Each structure stands twice: as structure tokens, then as C-alpha cells.
Amino acid sequence: MVHTCPRCELRFTNDAELKYHLGVDHHADPTSFERFHYKPASTRPKGRRYLVVANQTLGDEALVTAI
């Protein structure tokens, strides 16, 4: 399993390396990041899904309306 840093996209071979990297390189608490777990396709709700990736535009009213 590959572990990817949520801040810089570096990849690590184990969870301990990722936690060390977050603490040393980003000065961040590793427990403050949520892990994403995807449900099997058979248990997901039907219909369209969207992934919104944003930082400054997230508070934009037009984006909120579109979502």
C-alpha cells in the first residue's frame, strides 16, 4: 500500500514514514488529517458524483450555487 501526503503528494511505503514526514516537513499533527475510504461500488448511492477541489474559490457564492 502506498501512503500519499495530503499536503504535497509525496508517497511513502508505510504509515510511519508519512507521519514522520507530516511532523517534520509540514509541522502538522498527523492525526488532524482525515483518511479517505471509498465504499464498494455496490453500496454507493446511484447518480452523479462530483469532486470539488478548491482553496480560495470555495467561499465564492457562484461555486456554492453551482454545487
PDB file of N, CA and C in Angstrom:
ATOM      1  N   MET A   1       0.844  -1.182   0.000  1.00  0.00           N
ATOM      2  CA  MET A   1       0.000   0.000   0.000  1.00  0.00           C
ATOM      3  C   MET A   1       0.884   1.239   0.000  1.00  0.00           C
ATOM      4  N   VAL A   2       0.520   2.230  -0.781  1.00  0.00           N
ATOM      5  CA  VAL A   2       1.257   3.483  -0.865  1.00  0.00           C
ATOM      6  C   VAL A   2       0.513   4.534  -0.059  1.00  0.00           C
ATOM      7  N   HIS A   3       1.254   5.302   0.722  1.00  0.00           N
ATOM      8  CA  HIS A   3       0.676   6.373   1.537  1.00  0.00           C
ATOM      9  C   HIS A   3       1.095   7.707   0.930  1.00  0.00           C
ATOM     10  N   THR A   4       0.117   8.549   0.584  1.00  0.00           N
ATOM     11  CA  THR A   4       0.387   9.829  -0.060  1.00  0.00           C
ATOM     12  C   THR A   4       0.165  10.965   0.920  1.00  0.00           C
ATOM     13  N   CYS A   5       1.102  11.910   0.939  1.00  0.00           N
ATOM     14  CA  CYS A   5       0.983  13.085   1.807  1.00  0.00           C
ATOM     15  C   CYS A   5      -0.169  13.954   1.318  1.00  0.00           C
ATOM     16  N   PRO A   6      -1.093  14.336   2.198  1.00  0.00           N
ATOM     17  CA  PRO A   6      -2.222  15.175   1.784  1.00  0.00           C
ATOM     18  C   PRO A   6      -1.824  16.622   1.498  1.00  0.00           C
ATOM     19  N   ARG A   7      -0.617  17.005   1.857  1.00  0.00           N
ATOM     20  CA  ARG A   7      -0.179  18.379   1.627  1.00  0.00           C
ATOM     21  C   ARG A   7       0.687  18.555   0.391  1.00  0.00           C
ATOM     22  N   CYS A   8       1.537  17.571   0.078  1.00  0.00           N
ATOM     23  CA  CYS A   8       2.487  17.788  -1.016  1.00  0.00           C
ATOM     24  C   CYS A   8       2.530  16.646  -2.023  1.00  0.00           C
ATOM     25  N   GLU A   9       1.735  15.610  -1.824  1.00  0.00           N
ATOM     26  CA  GLU A   9       1.620  14.480  -2.745  1.00  0.00           C
ATOM     27  C   GLU A   9       2.859  13.578  -2.796  1.00  0.00           C
ATOM     28  N   LEU A  10       3.808  13.716  -1.862  1.00  0.00           N
ATOM     29  CA  LEU A  10       4.891  12.749  -1.779  1.00  0.00           C
ATOM     30  C   LEU A  10       4.313  11.405  -1.369  1.00  0.00           C
ATOM     31  N   ARG A  11       4.949  10.333  -1.779  1.00  0.00           N
ATOM     32  CA  ARG A  11       4.443   8.990  -1.474  1.00  0.00           C
ATOM     33  C   ARG A  11       5.427   8.236  -0.597  1.00  0.00           C
ATOM     34  N   PHE A  12       4.874   7.426   0.311  1.00  0.00           N
ATOM     35  CA  PHE A  12       5.679   6.689   1.278  1.00  0.00           C
ATOM     36  C   PHE A  12       5.236   5.236   1.307  1.00  0.00           C
ATOM     37  N   THR A  13       6.162   4.365   1.712  1.00  0.00           N
ATOM     38  CA  THR A  13       5.863   2.934   1.708  1.00  0.00           C
ATOM     39  C   THR A  13       5.089   2.488   2.932  1.00  0.00           C
ATOM     40  N   ASN A  14       5.126   3.283   4.014  1.00  0.00           N
ATOM     41  CA  ASN A  14       4.358   2.886   5.197  1.00  0.00           C
ATOM     42  C   ASN A  14       3.834   4.107   5.939  1.00  0.00           C
ATOM     43  N   ASP A  15       2.913   3.865   6.831  1.00  0.00           N
ATOM     44  CA  ASP A  15       2.231   4.930   7.566  1.00  0.00           C
ATOM     45  C   ASP A  15       3.191   5.694   8.486  1.00  0.00           C
ATOM     46  N   ALA A  16       4.165   5.001   9.066  1.00  0.00           N
ATOM     47  CA  ALA A  16       5.113   5.648   9.971  1.00  0.00           C
ATOM     48  C   ALA A  16       5.943   6.703   9.239  1.00  0.00           C
ATOM     49  N   GLU A  17       6.359   6.408   8.007  1.00  0.00           N
ATOM     50  CA  GLU A  17       7.115   7.385   7.225  1.00  0.00           C
ATOM     51  C   GLU A  17       6.272   8.623   6.935  1.00  0.00           C
ATOM     52  N   LEU A  18       5.007   8.400   6.596  1.00  0.00           N
ATOM     53  CA  LEU A  18       4.109   9.522   6.312  1.00  0.00           C
ATOM     54  C   LEU A  18       3.923  10.389   7.553  1.00  0.00           C
ATOM     55  N   LYS A  19       3.697   9.778   8.706  1.00  0.00           N
ATOM     56  CA  LYS A  19       3.507  10.540   9.949  1.00  0.00           C
ATOM     57  C   LYS A  19       4.760  11.345  10.284  1.00  0.00           C
ATOM     58  N   TYR A  20       5.922  10.741  10.110  1.00  0.00           N
ATOM     59  CA  TYR A  20       7.186  11.429  10.374  1.00  0.00           C
ATOM     60  C   TYR A  20       7.324  12.626   9.432  1.00  0.00           C
ATOM     61  N   HIS A  21       7.040  12.411   8.157  1.00  0.00           N
ATOM     62  CA  HIS A  21       7.113  13.474   7.150  1.00  0.00           C
ATOM     63  C   HIS A  21       6.182  14.647   7.505  1.00  0.00           C
ATOM     64  N   LEU A  22       4.945  14.344   7.873  1.00  0.00           N
ATOM     65  CA  LEU A  22       3.999  15.404   8.223  1.00  0.00           C
ATOM     66  C   LEU A  22       4.499  16.224   9.409  1.00  0.00           C
ATOM     67  N   GLY A  23       5.040  15.545  10.411  1.00  0.00           N
ATOM     68  CA  GLY A  23       5.524  16.245  11.599  1.00  0.00           C
ATOM     69  C   GLY A  23       6.765  17.070  11.339  1.00  0.00           C
ATOM     70  N   VAL A  24       7.719  16.518  10.615  1.00  0.00           N
ATOM     71  CA  VAL A  24       9.000  17.192  10.399  1.00  0.00           C
ATOM     72  C   VAL A  24       8.923  18.222   9.271  1.00  0.00           C
ATOM     73  N   ASP A  25       8.412  17.836   8.128  1.00  0.00           N
ATOM     74  CA  ASP A  25       8.427  18.724   6.961  1.00  0.00           C
ATOM     75  C   ASP A  25       7.296  19.742   6.931  1.00  0.00           C
ATOM     76  N   HIS A  26       6.147  19.387   7.492  1.00  0.00           N
ATOM     77  CA  HIS A  26       4.995  20.294   7.447  1.00  0.00           C
ATOM     78  C   HIS A  26       4.626  20.847   8.827  1.00  0.00           C
ATOM     79  N   HIS A  27       5.282  20.370   9.861  1.00  0.00           N
ATOM     80  CA  HIS A  27       4.968  20.791  11.235  1.00  0.00           C
ATOM     81  C   HIS A  27       3.475  20.665  11.518  1.00  0.00           C
ATOM     82  N   ALA A  28       2.923  19.533  11.112  1.00  0.00           N
ATOM     83  CA  ALA A  28       1.482  19.279  11.246  1.00  0.00           C
ATOM     84  C   ALA A  28       1.253  18.024  12.075  1.00  0.00           C
ATOM     85  N   ASP A  29       0.155  18.024  12.796  1.00  0.00           N
ATOM     86  CA  ASP A  29      -0.244  16.851  13.579  1.00  0.00           C
ATOM     87  C   ASP A  29      -0.815  15.807  12.617  1.00  0.00           C
ATOM     88  N   PRO A  30      -0.178  14.647  12.494  1.00  0.00           N
ATOM     89  CA  PRO A  30      -0.658  13.628  11.544  1.00  0.00           C
ATOM     90  C   PRO A  30      -2.081  13.162  11.808  1.00  0.00           C
ATOM     91  N   THR A  31      -2.551  13.262  13.035  1.00  0.00           N
ATOM     92  CA  THR A  31      -3.911  12.810  13.339  1.00  0.00           C
ATOM     93  C   THR A  31      -4.965  13.824  12.905  1.00  0.00           C
ATOM     94  N   SER A  32      -4.546  15.010  12.457  1.00  0.00           N
ATOM     95  CA  SER A  32      -5.520  16.030  12.061  1.00  0.00           C
ATOM     96  C   SER A  32      -6.022  15.838  10.633  1.00  0.00           C
ATOM     97  N   PHE A  33      -5.452  14.886   9.885  1.00  0.00           N
ATOM     98  CA  PHE A  33      -5.869  14.648   8.514  1.00  0.00           C
ATOM     99  C   PHE A  33      -6.805  13.458   8.451  1.00  0.00           C
ATOM    100  N   GLU A  34      -7.890  13.633   7.749  1.00  0.00           N
ATOM    101  CA  GLU A  34      -8.877  12.568   7.587  1.00  0.00           C
ATOM    102  C   GLU A  34      -8.453  11.634   6.462  1.00  0.00           C
ATOM    103  N   ARG A  35      -8.559  10.359   6.692  1.00  0.00           N
ATOM    104  CA  ARG A  35      -8.254   9.371   5.650  1.00  0.00           C
ATOM    105  C   ARG A  35      -9.506   9.155   4.806  1.00  0.00           C
ATOM    106  N   PHE A  36      -9.327   9.032   3.524  1.00  0.00           N
ATOM    107  CA  PHE A  36     -10.450   8.796   2.630  1.00  0.00           C
ATOM    108  C   PHE A  36     -10.578   7.303   2.367  1.00  0.00           C
ATOM    109  N   HIS A  37     -11.757   6.774   2.593  1.00  0.00           N
ATOM    110  CA  HIS A  37     -12.042   5.379   2.324  1.00  0.00           C
ATOM    111  C   HIS A  37     -13.256   5.332   1.401  1.00  0.00           C
ATOM    112  N   TYR A  38     -13.098   4.680   0.293  1.00  0.00           N
ATOM    113  CA  TYR A  38     -14.181   4.599  -0.667  1.00  0.00           C
ATOM    114  C   TYR A  38     -14.981   3.321  -0.457  1.00  0.00           C
ATOM    115  N   LYS A  39     -16.292   3.445  -0.528  1.00  0.00           N
ATOM    116  CA  LYS A  39     -17.166   2.291  -0.367  1.00  0.00           C
ATOM    117  C   LYS A  39     -17.153   1.480  -1.649  1.00  0.00           C
ATOM    118  N   PRO A  40     -17.415   0.185  -1.545  1.00  0.00           N
ATOM    119  CA  PRO A  40     -17.519  -0.631  -2.765  1.00  0.00           C
ATOM    120  C   PRO A  40     -18.628  -0.089  -3.667  1.00  0.00           C
ATOM    121  N   ALA A  41     -18.459  -0.246  -4.965  1.00  0.00           N
ATOM    122  CA  ALA A  41     -19.421   0.295  -5.930  1.00  0.00           C
ATOM    123  C   ALA A  41     -20.848  -0.155  -5.652  1.00  0.00           C
ATOM    124  N   SER A  42     -21.012  -1.377  -5.169  1.00  0.00           N
ATOM    125  CA  SER A  42     -22.372  -1.889  -4.940  1.00  0.00           C
ATOM    126  C   SER A  42     -23.095  -1.177  -3.792  1.00  0.00           C
ATOM    127  N   THR A  43     -22.365  -0.505  -2.894  1.00  0.00           N
ATOM    128  CA  THR A  43     -23.007   0.166  -1.754  1.00  0.00           C
ATOM    129  C   THR A  43     -23.064   1.682  -1.908  1.00  0.00           C
ATOM    130  N   ARG A  44     -22.505   2.206  -2.995  1.00  0.00           N
ATOM    131  CA  ARG A  44     -22.532   3.657  -3.220  1.00  0.00           C
ATOM    132  C   ARG A  44     -23.899   4.084  -3.734  1.00  0.00           C
ATOM    133  N   PRO A  45     -24.315   5.307  -3.395  1.00  0.00           N
ATOM    134  CA  PRO A  45     -25.586   5.808  -3.933  1.00  0.00           C
ATOM    135  C   PRO A  45     -25.489   5.981  -5.449  1.00  0.00           C
ATOM    136  N   LYS A  46     -26.598   5.749  -6.131  1.00  0.00           N
ATOM    137  CA  LYS A  46     -26.636   5.898  -7.587  1.00  0.00           C
ATOM    138  C   LYS A  46     -26.687   7.380  -7.952  1.00  0.00           C
ATOM    139  N   GLY A  47     -26.294   7.683  -9.167  1.00  0.00           N
ATOM    140  CA  GLY A  47     -26.349   9.055  -9.644  1.00  0.00           C
ATOM    141  C   GLY A  47     -24.963   9.639  -9.832  1.00  0.00           C
ATOM    142  N   ARG A  48     -24.934  10.901 -10.141  1.00  0.00           N
ATOM    143  CA  ARG A  48     -23.667  11.580 -10.402  1.00  0.00           C
ATOM    144  C   ARG A  48     -22.983  11.979  -9.110  1.00  0.00           C
ATOM    145  N   ARG A  49     -21.666  11.971  -9.172  1.00  0.00           N
ATOM    146  CA  ARG A  49     -20.858  12.442  -8.045  1.00  0.00           C
ATOM    147  C   ARG A  49     -19.861  13.450  -8.593  1.00  0.00           C
ATOM    148  N   TYR A  50     -19.525  14.427  -7.786  1.00  0.00           N
ATOM    149  CA  TYR A  50     -18.585  15.459  -8.197  1.00  0.00           C
ATOM    150  C   TYR A  50     -17.499  15.602  -7.148  1.00  0.00           C
ATOM    151  N   LEU A  51     -16.296  15.841  -7.602  1.00  0.00           N
ATOM    152  CA  LEU A  51     -15.182  16.137  -6.714  1.00  0.00           C
ATOM    153  C   LEU A  51     -14.847  17.599  -6.906  1.00  0.00           C
ATOM    154  N   VAL A  52     -14.933  18.381  -5.827  1.00  0.00           N
ATOM    155  CA  VAL A  52     -14.613  19.800  -5.887  1.00  0.00           C
ATOM    156  C   VAL A  52     -13.321  20.005  -5.121  1.00  0.00           C
ATOM    157  N   VAL A  53     -12.326  20.525  -5.825  1.00  0.00           N
ATOM    158  CA  VAL A  53     -11.040  20.828  -5.207  1.00  0.00           C
ATOM    159  C   VAL A  53     -10.856  22.329  -5.315  1.00  0.00           C
ATOM    160  N   ALA A  54     -10.732  22.992  -4.163  1.00  0.00           N
ATOM    161  CA  ALA A  54     -10.639  24.447  -4.181  1.00  0.00           C
ATOM    162  C   ALA A  54      -9.923  24.943  -2.944  1.00  0.00           C
ATOM    163  N   ASN A  55      -9.437  26.152  -3.014  1.00  0.00           N
ATOM    164  CA  ASN A  55      -8.952  26.798  -1.800  1.00  0.00           C
ATOM    165  C   ASN A  55      -9.583  28.183  -1.699  1.00  0.00           C
ATOM    166  N   GLN A  56      -9.171  29.141  -2.492  1.00  0.00           N
ATOM    167  CA  GLN A  56      -9.713  30.492  -2.390  1.00  0.00           C
ATOM    168  C   GLN A  56     -11.115  30.613  -2.961  1.00  0.00           C
ATOM    169  N   THR A  57     -11.444  29.821  -3.945  1.00  0.00           N
ATOM    170  CA  THR A  57     -12.757  29.943  -4.578  1.00  0.00           C
ATOM    171  C   THR A  57     -13.864  29.246  -3.803  1.00  0.00           C
ATOM    172  N   LEU A  58     -13.512  28.505  -2.770  1.00  0.00           N
ATOM    173  CA  LEU A  58     -14.515  27.733  -2.053  1.00  0.00           C
ATOM    174  C   LEU A  58     -15.614  28.621  -1.468  1.00  0.00           C
ATOM    175  N   GLY A  59     -15.275  29.830  -1.048  1.00  0.00           N
ATOM    176  CA  GLY A  59     -16.272  30.725  -0.482  1.00  0.00           C
ATOM    177  C   GLY A  59     -17.035  31.527  -1.521  1.00  0.00           C
ATOM    178  N   ASP A  60     -16.728  31.344  -2.783  1.00  0.00           N
ATOM    179  CA  ASP A  60     -17.378  32.071  -3.860  1.00  0.00           C
ATOM    180  C   ASP A  60     -18.836  31.630  -3.967  1.00  0.00           C
ATOM    181  N   GLU A  61     -19.749  32.568  -3.939  1.00  0.00           N
ATOM    182  CA  GLU A  61     -21.183  32.270  -3.984  1.00  0.00           C
ATOM    183  C   GLU A  61     -21.590  31.541  -5.263  1.00  0.00           C
ATOM    184  N   ALA A  62     -20.939  31.855  -6.381  1.00  0.00           N
ATOM    185  CA  ALA A  62     -21.273  31.186  -7.640  1.00  0.00           C
ATOM    186  C   ALA A  62     -20.938  29.692  -7.582  1.00  0.00           C
ATOM    187  N   LEU A  63     -19.833  29.347  -6.928  1.00  0.00           N
ATOM    188  CA  LEU A  63     -19.468  27.934  -6.786  1.00  0.00           C
ATOM    189  C   LEU A  63     -20.467  27.207  -5.882  1.00  0.00           C
ATOM    190  N   VAL A  64     -20.833  27.834  -4.788  1.00  0.00           N
ATOM    191  CA  VAL A  64     -21.791  27.219  -3.857  1.00  0.00           C
ATOM    192  C   VAL A  64     -23.124  27.000  -4.563  1.00  0.00           C
ATOM    193  N   THR A  65     -23.560  27.941  -5.358  1.00  0.00           N
ATOM    194  CA  THR A  65     -24.817  27.817  -6.110  1.00  0.00           C
ATOM    195  C   THR A  65     -24.740  26.670  -7.124  1.00  0.00           C
ATOM    196  N   ALA A  66     -23.587  26.561  -7.792  1.00  0.00           N
ATOM    197  CA  ALA A  66     -23.418  25.521  -8.807  1.00  0.00           C
ATOM    198  C   ALA A  66     -23.430  24.133  -8.193  1.00  0.00           C
ATOM    199  N   ILE A  67     -22.884  24.013  -7.014  1.00  0.00           N
ATOM    200  CA  ILE A  67     -22.840  22.711  -6.339  1.00  0.00           C
ATOM    201  C   ILE A  67     -24.224  22.350  -5.870  1.00  0.00           C
TER     202      ILE A  67
END
